[in-house]
Amino acid sequence: MAVSSAKRVSAKVVSAKAVANKFLEFADKEKKGKQLTNMQLQMLVYIAQGYTLAITDNKLYFEDTLAWRWGPVIVNLYQSLRKYGRSYVTEHLDVGLEEIHLEEDEEKIEIIKEVYKRYGGCSGLQLSNITQKPNTPWSKTWGKGGKRVFVGEKRVVVPSIIDVSIIKDYYLRTLEAEKEAYLLEKR
């Protein structure tokens, strides 16, 4: 990742929806009319959170990320996107002033841009598979299982929150591995 790894105090944390809008903007700029699916946005936003934690030591979005069956999910973002199902997201999400706060943070914008460059060409399923590999934050959390509760007479599983420190540690290791691979390539 081409972003500086110096730790800094970043500007405000925004909603995952503001981050998703930035990915939609980058997709449209890359190829006029290019669209992303609900699953692609969920995974891209989550991956951007990981790199932001590793590079800046600060969160990108304020919501918790849950370990759902098909990967990491930010519930607020999911609720806004679920009307699209597996189809493409055709419009930006309503977030108000948060987008202004995100625009003011050049470092976070650069991280989002780098994540898009690297992962934006992947399908939702490919991104889900990336986030569900062994030893990822999702696999460590999903493996523990969520709480089992009764809603009426039906037993349901409440997904577990993926701990931010696990996400940060994973992406710190990812950055280190990328750096090592780059140095080996230069030999």
Protein backbone atom coordinates (compact mmCIF):
# COMPACT_ATOMS: atom_id res chain seq x y z
CA MET A 1 0.00 0.00 0.00
CA ALA A 2 1.51 3.30 -1.07
CA VAL A 3 0.25 5.34 1.89
CA SER A 4 2.73 6.56 4.51
CA SER A 5 2.83 4.32 7.56
CA ALA A 6 3.59 7.12 10.02
CA LYS A 7 1.05 7.14 12.86
CA ARG A 8 -0.95 10.35 13.07
CA VAL A 9 -4.08 11.60 14.72
CA SER A 10 -6.65 11.70 11.92
CA ALA A 11 -9.72 13.83 11.52
CA LYS A 12 -13.19 12.68 12.49
CA VAL A 13 -14.48 9.15 12.26
CA VAL A 14 -17.44 8.90 9.88
CA SER A 15 -20.17 6.38 9.11
CA ALA A 16 -19.56 3.35 6.94
CA LYS A 17 -22.12 4.82 4.53
CA ALA A 18 -19.87 7.85 3.91
CA VAL A 19 -17.00 5.48 3.13
CA ALA A 20 -19.23 3.42 0.80
CA ASN A 21 -20.14 6.60 -1.08
CA LYS A 22 -16.44 7.29 -1.62
CA PHE A 23 -16.01 3.82 -3.14
CA LEU A 24 -19.02 4.46 -5.40
CA GLU A 25 -17.40 7.73 -6.49
CA PHE A 26 -14.06 6.04 -7.27
CA ALA A 27 -15.83 3.31 -9.28
CA ASP A 28 -17.67 5.90 -11.34
CA LYS A 29 -14.49 7.92 -11.94
CA GLU A 30 -12.56 4.81 -13.01
CA LYS A 31 -15.10 3.87 -15.65
CA LYS A 32 -18.13 6.09 -16.18
CA GLY A 33 -21.15 4.16 -14.99
CA LYS A 34 -19.22 1.39 -13.20
CA GLN A 35 -21.25 0.16 -10.25
CA LEU A 36 -20.57 -1.93 -7.17
CA THR A 37 -22.80 -4.44 -5.39
CA ASN A 38 -23.91 -4.47 -1.77
CA MET A 39 -21.42 -7.24 -0.96
CA GLN A 40 -18.54 -5.46 -2.72
CA LEU A 41 -19.24 -2.30 -0.75
CA GLN A 42 -19.47 -4.16 2.56
CA MET A 43 -16.13 -5.85 1.99
CA LEU A 44 -14.33 -2.80 0.55
CA VAL A 45 -15.46 -0.61 3.47
CA TYR A 46 -14.32 -3.26 5.96
CA ILE A 47 -10.92 -3.70 4.26
CA ALA A 48 -10.45 0.08 4.24
CA GLN A 49 -11.16 0.09 7.99
CA GLY A 50 -8.41 -2.49 8.47
CA TYR A 51 -5.78 -0.57 6.53
CA THR A 52 -6.81 2.71 8.20
CA LEU A 53 -6.39 1.16 11.65
CA ALA A 54 -2.99 -0.24 10.68
CA ILE A 55 -1.68 2.96 9.08
CA THR A 56 -3.19 5.72 11.24
CA ASP A 57 -4.04 3.87 14.49
CA ASN A 58 -7.55 5.36 14.13
CA LYS A 59 -10.88 3.99 12.99
CA LEU A 60 -12.28 4.99 9.60
CA TYR A 61 -15.94 4.39 10.48
CA PHE A 62 -17.55 4.37 13.90
CA GLU A 63 -19.89 1.38 13.60
CA ASP A 64 -19.03 -2.10 14.85
CA THR A 65 -18.30 -4.81 12.31
CA LEU A 66 -20.04 -8.13 12.90
CA ALA A 67 -19.01 -11.63 11.85
CA TRP A 68 -21.89 -12.88 9.72
CA ARG A 69 -21.97 -16.12 7.80
CA TRP A 70 -20.76 -14.59 4.51
CA GLY A 71 -18.15 -12.33 6.04
CA PRO A 72 -17.75 -9.08 7.93
CA VAL A 73 -20.87 -6.88 7.95
CA ILE A 74 -21.50 -3.32 9.10
CA VAL A 75 -25.19 -3.50 10.04
CA ASN A 76 -26.03 0.17 9.39
CA LEU A 77 -24.51 -0.08 5.91
CA TYR A 78 -26.21 -3.42 5.26
CA GLN A 79 -29.61 -1.98 6.19
CA SER A 80 -29.12 0.89 3.74
CA LEU A 81 -28.02 -1.43 0.93
CA ARG A 82 -30.18 -4.51 1.37
CA LYS A 83 -32.87 -3.14 -0.95
CA TYR A 84 -30.39 -3.77 -3.78
CA GLY A 85 -30.03 -7.47 -2.93
CA ARG A 86 -27.34 -8.87 -5.24
CA SER A 87 -27.85 -6.07 -7.76
CA TYR A 88 -25.69 -3.02 -8.25
CA VAL A 89 -26.04 -0.04 -5.94
CA THR A 90 -27.41 2.69 -8.17
CA GLU A 91 -27.28 5.76 -5.96
CA HIS A 92 -25.24 7.32 -3.18
CA LEU A 93 -26.37 6.82 0.40
CA ASP A 94 -27.73 9.68 2.48
CA VAL A 95 -25.14 10.71 5.08
CA GLY A 96 -25.27 14.50 5.42
CA LEU A 97 -22.21 16.34 6.75
CA GLU A 98 -20.12 13.21 7.31
CA GLU A 99 -18.91 13.28 3.71
CA ILE A 100 -17.48 16.75 4.28
CA HIS A 101 -15.54 15.42 7.29
CA LEU A 102 -14.21 12.55 5.20
CA GLU A 103 -13.18 14.90 2.37
CA GLU A 104 -11.16 16.94 4.87
CA ASP A 105 -9.03 13.91 5.77
CA GLU A 106 -6.66 13.44 2.83
CA GLU A 107 -4.87 10.49 4.42
CA LYS A 108 -8.06 8.48 4.82
CA ILE A 109 -9.16 9.37 1.29
CA GLU A 110 -5.79 8.12 0.03
CA ILE A 111 -6.20 4.84 1.93
CA ILE A 112 -9.69 4.34 0.49
CA LYS A 113 -8.32 5.08 -3.00
CA GLU A 114 -5.51 2.53 -2.56
CA VAL A 115 -7.96 -0.10 -1.30
CA TYR A 116 -10.13 0.56 -4.34
CA LYS A 117 -7.16 0.27 -6.71
CA ARG A 118 -6.16 -3.04 -5.18
CA TYR A 119 -9.53 -4.66 -4.52
CA GLY A 120 -12.11 -2.74 -6.59
CA GLY A 121 -11.90 -5.20 -9.48
CA CYS A 122 -12.83 -8.16 -7.27
CA SER A 123 -16.37 -9.53 -7.15
CA GLY A 124 -18.31 -9.56 -3.90
CA LEU A 125 -17.70 -13.29 -3.58
CA GLN A 126 -13.96 -12.91 -4.17
CA LEU A 127 -13.80 -10.18 -1.51
CA SER A 128 -15.83 -12.32 0.87
CA ASN A 129 -13.39 -15.19 0.33
CA ILE A 130 -10.44 -12.87 1.02
CA THR A 131 -11.95 -11.73 4.31
CA GLN A 132 -12.80 -15.30 5.36
CA LYS A 133 -9.38 -16.89 4.94
CA PRO A 134 -7.97 -18.73 7.98
CA ASN A 135 -6.56 -16.42 10.68
CA THR A 136 -8.44 -13.35 9.45
CA PRO A 137 -10.35 -11.28 12.01
CA TRP A 138 -13.60 -12.72 10.65
CA SER A 139 -12.43 -16.35 10.95
CA LYS A 140 -11.18 -15.79 14.50
CA THR A 141 -14.49 -14.23 15.51
CA TRP A 142 -16.85 -16.46 13.52
CA GLY A 143 -15.10 -19.52 14.90
CA LYS A 144 -16.11 -18.48 18.42
CA GLY A 145 -19.76 -18.26 17.39
CA GLY A 146 -22.28 -15.68 18.44
CA LYS A 147 -24.68 -15.66 21.33
CA ARG A 148 -27.63 -17.99 21.00
CA VAL A 149 -30.85 -16.38 22.17
CA PHE A 150 -34.54 -17.08 21.89
CA VAL A 151 -36.82 -14.68 20.04
CA GLY A 152 -40.22 -15.96 20.99
CA GLU A 153 -39.89 -19.69 20.49
CA LYS A 154 -37.27 -19.42 17.77
CA ARG A 155 -33.58 -19.80 18.64
CA VAL A 156 -31.36 -17.36 16.75
CA VAL A 157 -27.66 -16.57 16.72
CA VAL A 158 -26.65 -12.99 17.39
CA PRO A 159 -23.41 -12.41 15.45
CA SER A 160 -20.27 -11.49 17.37
CA ILE A 161 -18.53 -8.14 17.02
CA ILE A 162 -15.12 -8.35 15.36
CA ASP A 163 -12.76 -6.68 17.82
CA VAL A 164 -11.05 -3.61 16.36
CA SER A 165 -7.70 -4.64 17.85
CA ILE A 166 -7.86 -7.96 15.96
CA ILE A 167 -8.61 -6.09 12.72
CA LYS A 168 -5.74 -3.69 13.32
CA ASP A 169 -3.25 -6.47 14.15
CA TYR A 170 -4.23 -8.44 11.06
CA TYR A 171 -3.75 -5.48 8.72
CA LEU A 172 -0.47 -4.52 10.39
CA ARG A 173 0.76 -8.05 9.58
CA THR A 174 -0.64 -7.73 6.06
CA LEU A 175 1.24 -4.48 5.50
CA GLU A 176 4.45 -6.03 6.84
CA ALA A 177 4.08 -9.04 4.52
CA GLU A 178 3.45 -6.72 1.57
CA LYS A 179 6.57 -4.74 2.44
CA GLU A 180 8.65 -7.93 2.64
CA ALA A 181 7.27 -9.18 -0.69
CA TYR A 182 8.08 -5.82 -2.28
CA LEU A 183 11.66 -5.93 -0.98
CA LEU A 184 12.14 -9.51 -2.22
CA GLU A 185 10.79 -8.51 -5.61
CA LYS A 186 13.36 -5.70 -5.84
CA ARG A 187 16.31 -8.10 -5.39
